[in-house]
Amino acid sequence: MTSTPAQAPIAIVSAMHAELAALLEAMPDEAPVRLAGRDFWCGHLGGQAVVAVLSGIGKVAAATTAALLLERFGARAVLFTGVAGGLAPGVAVGDVVVATELLQHDMDASPLFPRWEVPLYGRARFAADPALAGTLAAAAARALAEPHATLGAEAVAEFALHRPQVHRGLIVSGDRFVATQAESEALRQALPEALAVEMEGAAVAQVCHDFGTPFAALRTISDRADDSAHVDFQRFIDRVASHYSLAVMMAWLGMQR
């Protein structure tokens, strides 16, 4: 199953089917390989070999998926795409955050280790690959430059996405859906650099670190991780985030030629 370097696919991962739906529809020759209860869709996108997969929700599910991508499919790079809650001021619904670093906000082995530090790693933060994250941010800027073309006028009007922005910085992950003002404020106080919060990225970053494989993460902001986080969540993914993912990945793949 493992590919040679010249044939090695690029892995594209999302937690939920809706986040990846538009991308899967755009793969002309996808063929599923089922492992560990997951379908790994092997095929091509933008003329490049890719393997796309739904990790499932949460850090354990994401880590299992990442390990399979690297060990069984020999992925040469891993890109995570999906939605997140916005934390930092100015990170608005419809914006995109590209990670420079990722951290598990619910990791706490103190007093044996400092809060957030992953035991025996000597670090709390895992860096995204700088080159990969840089080109992904450039691709996102290109895709978001014309939201009407990417999403259609109706979706732009419905979610007021007239000037979406691309941000780069810290994304934090944890095994809970942050959906109250109190929780999001606590995260902002503890981790003021954090731009967005989700449930998988830091786990995948740690696995890619272990394998020495480039990793990058892109998250569309679906909500402000507060008491309104559940409002129109699924509709936003269907109408916006899924199409952002496809547009950004197509732009990024075009830059690799």
Protein backbone atom coordinates (compact mmCIF):
# COMPACT_ATOMS: atom_id res chain seq x y z
CA MET A 1 0.00 0.00 0.00
CA THR A 2 2.89 2.37 0.70
CA SER A 3 3.89 4.49 -2.32
CA THR A 4 7.32 5.34 -3.64
CA PRO A 5 8.32 9.00 -3.15
CA ALA A 6 7.56 9.87 -6.77
CA GLN A 7 4.07 8.38 -6.48
CA ALA A 8 3.32 9.36 -2.90
CA PRO A 9 -0.04 11.06 -2.51
CA ILE A 10 -0.92 14.24 -0.71
CA ALA A 11 -3.31 13.52 2.15
CA ILE A 12 -6.34 15.77 2.62
CA VAL A 13 -8.19 15.26 5.90
CA SER A 14 -11.41 16.58 7.40
CA ALA A 15 -13.27 15.54 10.52
CA MET A 16 -16.79 15.42 9.05
CA HIS A 17 -18.19 14.36 5.67
CA ALA A 18 -19.83 17.71 4.98
CA GLU A 19 -16.47 19.47 5.26
CA LEU A 20 -15.02 17.29 2.49
CA ALA A 21 -18.12 16.68 0.37
CA ALA A 22 -17.38 19.17 -2.42
CA LEU A 23 -13.79 17.97 -2.70
CA LEU A 24 -14.78 14.30 -2.96
CA GLU A 25 -17.26 15.16 -5.71
CA ALA A 26 -14.42 16.81 -7.64
CA MET A 27 -12.19 13.70 -7.60
CA PRO A 28 -12.85 11.97 -10.95
CA ASP A 29 -11.39 8.56 -10.13
CA GLU A 30 -11.74 8.17 -6.38
CA ALA A 31 -11.72 4.61 -5.07
CA PRO A 32 -12.28 3.87 -1.38
CA VAL A 33 -9.94 1.72 0.67
CA ARG A 34 -11.50 0.81 4.02
CA LEU A 35 -9.22 0.58 7.04
CA ALA A 36 -10.00 0.86 10.75
CA GLY A 37 -13.59 1.83 10.01
CA ARG A 38 -12.59 4.65 7.67
CA ASP A 39 -12.82 5.13 3.92
CA PHE A 40 -9.59 6.44 2.41
CA TRP A 41 -10.50 7.85 -1.00
CA CYS A 42 -7.54 7.37 -3.33
CA GLY A 43 -7.51 9.21 -6.63
CA HIS A 44 -6.53 12.48 -8.23
CA LEU A 45 -7.40 16.13 -7.75
CA GLY A 46 -6.01 18.91 -9.87
CA GLY A 47 -3.85 16.36 -11.68
CA GLN A 48 -2.11 15.24 -8.47
CA ALA A 49 -2.35 11.97 -6.56
CA VAL A 50 -4.30 12.46 -3.35
CA VAL A 51 -5.84 10.39 -0.60
CA ALA A 52 -8.81 12.04 1.11
CA VAL A 53 -10.26 10.79 4.37
CA LEU A 54 -12.68 11.66 7.13
CA SER A 55 -10.81 11.36 10.40
CA GLY A 56 -13.81 11.47 12.66
CA ILE A 57 -14.15 13.96 15.50
CA GLY A 58 -11.62 14.33 18.30
CA LYS A 59 -7.91 13.89 18.86
CA VAL A 60 -7.76 10.10 19.13
CA ALA A 61 -9.72 9.58 15.92
CA ALA A 62 -7.55 12.16 14.16
CA ALA A 63 -4.29 10.59 15.39
CA THR A 64 -5.38 7.12 14.26
CA THR A 65 -6.20 8.48 10.82
CA ALA A 66 -2.91 10.36 10.51
CA ALA A 67 -0.88 7.29 11.47
CA LEU A 68 -2.65 5.19 8.82
CA LEU A 69 -2.11 7.87 6.17
CA LEU A 70 1.60 7.92 6.84
CA GLU A 71 2.26 4.23 7.49
CA ARG A 72 -0.12 2.56 5.04
CA PHE A 73 -0.46 5.14 2.27
CA GLY A 74 2.96 6.79 2.48
CA ALA A 75 1.50 10.31 2.27
CA ARG A 76 4.20 12.86 1.51
CA ALA A 77 2.29 15.72 3.14
CA VAL A 78 -0.85 16.05 5.23
CA LEU A 79 -3.32 18.91 4.89
CA PHE A 80 -6.19 19.26 7.38
CA THR A 81 -9.18 21.32 6.35
CA GLY A 82 -12.48 22.00 8.05
CA VAL A 83 -14.15 24.42 10.44
CA ALA A 84 -13.19 25.97 13.77
CA GLY A 85 -14.46 28.46 16.28
CA GLY A 86 -12.89 31.90 16.23
CA LEU A 87 -11.18 33.11 19.41
CA ALA A 88 -9.05 36.18 18.73
CA PRO A 89 -10.61 39.59 18.11
CA GLY A 90 -10.94 40.22 14.40
CA VAL A 91 -11.22 36.54 13.47
CA ALA A 92 -14.73 36.58 12.05
CA VAL A 93 -17.19 34.03 10.73
CA GLY A 94 -16.20 33.26 7.15
CA ASP A 95 -12.52 34.05 7.67
CA VAL A 96 -9.85 31.37 7.27
CA VAL A 97 -7.06 30.58 9.72
CA VAL A 98 -3.89 28.83 8.55
CA ALA A 99 -1.93 27.38 11.46
CA THR A 100 1.67 28.29 12.14
CA GLU A 101 1.59 26.25 15.38
CA LEU A 102 -0.85 23.89 17.09
CA LEU A 103 -1.37 23.12 20.77
CA GLN A 104 -3.65 20.84 22.82
CA HIS A 105 -5.49 23.23 25.12
CA ASP A 106 -6.73 20.35 27.31
CA MET A 107 -3.29 18.77 27.84
CA ASP A 108 -2.34 19.20 31.49
CA ALA A 109 0.10 16.77 33.15
CA SER A 110 1.09 19.27 35.84
CA PRO A 111 2.81 19.30 38.23
CA LEU A 112 4.93 16.63 36.52
CA PHE A 113 5.14 18.75 33.37
CA PRO A 114 4.22 22.35 32.59
CA ARG A 115 0.62 22.93 31.54
CA TRP A 116 0.04 22.14 27.84
CA GLU A 117 3.43 20.46 27.43
CA VAL A 118 3.12 17.01 25.84
CA PRO A 119 4.92 14.65 28.24
CA LEU A 120 8.34 13.45 27.06
CA TYR A 121 8.34 15.79 24.04
CA GLY A 122 9.61 18.86 25.87
CA ARG A 123 7.16 21.07 23.98
CA ALA A 124 3.57 22.20 23.98
CA ARG A 125 3.41 23.52 20.44
CA PHE A 126 3.95 21.65 17.20
CA ALA A 127 4.84 23.81 14.23
CA ALA A 128 3.17 23.52 10.87
CA ASP A 129 5.61 23.11 8.01
CA PRO A 130 6.54 26.72 7.11
CA ALA A 131 6.71 26.23 3.35
CA LEU A 132 3.52 24.18 3.21
CA ALA A 133 1.62 26.57 5.46
CA GLY A 134 2.89 29.56 3.47
CA THR A 135 1.68 28.23 0.13
CA LEU A 136 -1.61 27.14 1.72
CA ALA A 137 -2.16 30.68 3.04
CA ALA A 138 -1.40 32.08 -0.41
CA ALA A 139 -3.88 29.65 -1.96
CA ALA A 140 -6.49 30.65 0.61
CA ALA A 141 -5.98 34.33 -0.16
CA ARG A 142 -6.47 33.58 -3.83
CA ALA A 143 -9.66 31.58 -3.20
CA LEU A 144 -11.13 34.16 -0.82
CA ALA A 145 -10.36 37.12 -3.05
CA GLU A 146 -13.59 36.52 -4.97
CA PRO A 147 -16.08 34.96 -2.54
CA HIS A 148 -18.94 35.35 -5.01
CA ALA A 149 -17.12 33.14 -7.49
CA THR A 150 -16.25 30.56 -4.84
CA LEU A 151 -19.57 30.41 -2.99
CA GLY A 152 -22.20 32.11 -5.11
CA ALA A 153 -23.97 35.38 -4.37
CA GLU A 154 -26.71 33.79 -2.25
CA ALA A 155 -24.31 32.22 0.26
CA VAL A 156 -22.21 35.40 0.43
CA ALA A 157 -25.31 37.44 1.25
CA GLU A 158 -26.73 34.92 3.72
CA PHE A 159 -23.55 34.80 5.84
CA ALA A 160 -22.33 38.36 5.10
CA LEU A 161 -19.03 37.11 3.67
CA HIS A 162 -18.16 40.11 1.56
CA ARG A 163 -14.57 40.56 2.77
CA PRO A 164 -13.27 37.29 4.22
CA GLN A 165 -9.73 37.44 5.58
CA VAL A 166 -6.86 34.96 5.91
CA HIS A 167 -5.13 34.83 9.30
CA ARG A 168 -1.99 32.94 10.31
CA GLY A 169 -1.11 31.87 13.83
CA LEU A 170 -1.83 29.48 16.69
CA ILE A 171 -4.71 27.01 16.50
CA VAL A 172 -5.62 25.09 19.64
CA SER A 173 -7.29 21.68 19.82
CA GLY A 174 -9.16 19.83 22.56
CA ASP A 175 -11.66 17.05 23.08
CA ARG A 176 -14.64 19.25 23.67
CA PHE A 177 -16.78 21.49 21.49
CA VAL A 178 -16.26 25.00 22.82
CA ALA A 179 -19.72 26.50 22.64
CA THR A 180 -20.16 29.00 25.47
CA GLN A 181 -18.95 32.52 26.06
CA ALA A 182 -17.40 31.45 29.37
CA GLU A 183 -15.34 28.68 27.76
CA SER A 184 -14.10 30.85 24.92
CA GLU A 185 -13.21 33.69 27.29
CA ALA A 186 -11.24 31.27 29.48
CA LEU A 187 -9.26 30.13 26.44
CA ARG A 188 -8.58 33.72 25.39
CA GLN A 189 -7.31 34.53 28.86
CA ALA A 190 -5.10 31.43 29.08
CA LEU A 191 -3.86 31.47 25.48
CA PRO A 192 -4.16 35.02 24.14
CA GLU A 193 -2.25 34.14 20.97
CA ALA A 194 -4.80 31.52 19.93
CA LEU A 195 -6.75 32.47 16.82
CA ALA A 196 -9.13 29.51 16.64
CA VAL A 197 -10.20 26.36 18.47
CA GLU A 198 -11.10 22.94 17.08
CA MET A 199 -10.83 19.25 18.03
CA GLU A 200 -8.24 17.50 15.84
CA GLY A 201 -5.37 19.55 14.40
CA ALA A 202 -2.81 19.38 17.21
CA ALA A 203 -3.07 15.59 17.36
CA VAL A 204 -2.36 15.29 13.64
CA ALA A 205 0.51 17.74 13.97
CA GLN A 206 2.06 15.57 16.68
CA VAL A 207 1.78 12.41 14.59
CA CYS A 208 3.30 14.15 11.56
CA HIS A 209 6.12 15.39 13.80
CA ASP A 210 6.79 11.79 14.85
CA PHE A 211 6.95 10.66 11.21
CA GLY A 212 8.88 13.68 9.96
CA THR A 213 6.14 14.50 7.44
CA PRO A 214 5.12 18.05 6.47
CA PHE A 215 1.78 19.12 7.91
CA ALA A 216 -0.45 22.16 7.51
CA ALA A 217 -3.95 23.03 8.70
CA LEU A 218 -6.55 25.39 7.33
CA ARG A 219 -9.74 26.15 9.22
CA THR A 220 -12.77 28.14 8.11
CA ILE A 221 -14.32 30.05 11.01
CA SER A 222 -17.89 28.81 11.38
CA ASP A 223 -18.70 30.55 14.66
CA ARG A 224 -17.19 32.53 17.50
CA ALA A 225 -16.97 29.54 19.90
CA ASP A 226 -19.58 31.12 22.14
CA ASP A 227 -23.25 30.72 22.99
CA SER A 228 -24.25 31.07 19.33
CA ALA A 229 -21.83 28.38 18.12
CA HIS A 230 -24.60 25.93 17.25
CA VAL A 231 -26.61 28.37 15.14
CA ASP A 232 -26.74 27.30 11.45
CA PHE A 233 -23.56 25.24 11.99
CA GLN A 234 -24.44 22.49 9.52
CA ARG A 235 -25.79 24.94 6.95
CA PHE A 236 -22.58 26.96 7.13
CA ILE A 237 -20.48 23.86 6.49
CA ASP A 238 -22.65 22.82 3.54
CA ARG A 239 -22.86 26.26 1.95
CA VAL A 240 -19.46 27.75 2.81
CA ALA A 241 -16.76 25.62 4.44
CA SER A 242 -16.98 22.67 2.05
CA HIS A 243 -16.65 24.98 -0.97
CA TYR A 244 -13.81 26.92 0.64
CA SER A 245 -11.97 23.64 1.19
CA LEU A 246 -12.30 22.64 -2.45
CA ALA A 247 -11.37 26.09 -3.79
CA VAL A 248 -8.31 26.41 -1.54
CA MET A 249 -7.08 22.89 -2.26
CA MET A 250 -7.50 23.36 -6.01
CA ALA A 251 -5.61 26.65 -5.84
CA TRP A 252 -2.89 25.04 -3.73
CA LEU A 253 -2.54 22.04 -6.03
CA GLY A 254 -2.28 24.40 -9.00
CA MET A 255 0.66 26.10 -7.29
CA GLN A 256 2.52 22.76 -7.02
CA ARG A 257 2.87 22.23 -10.77
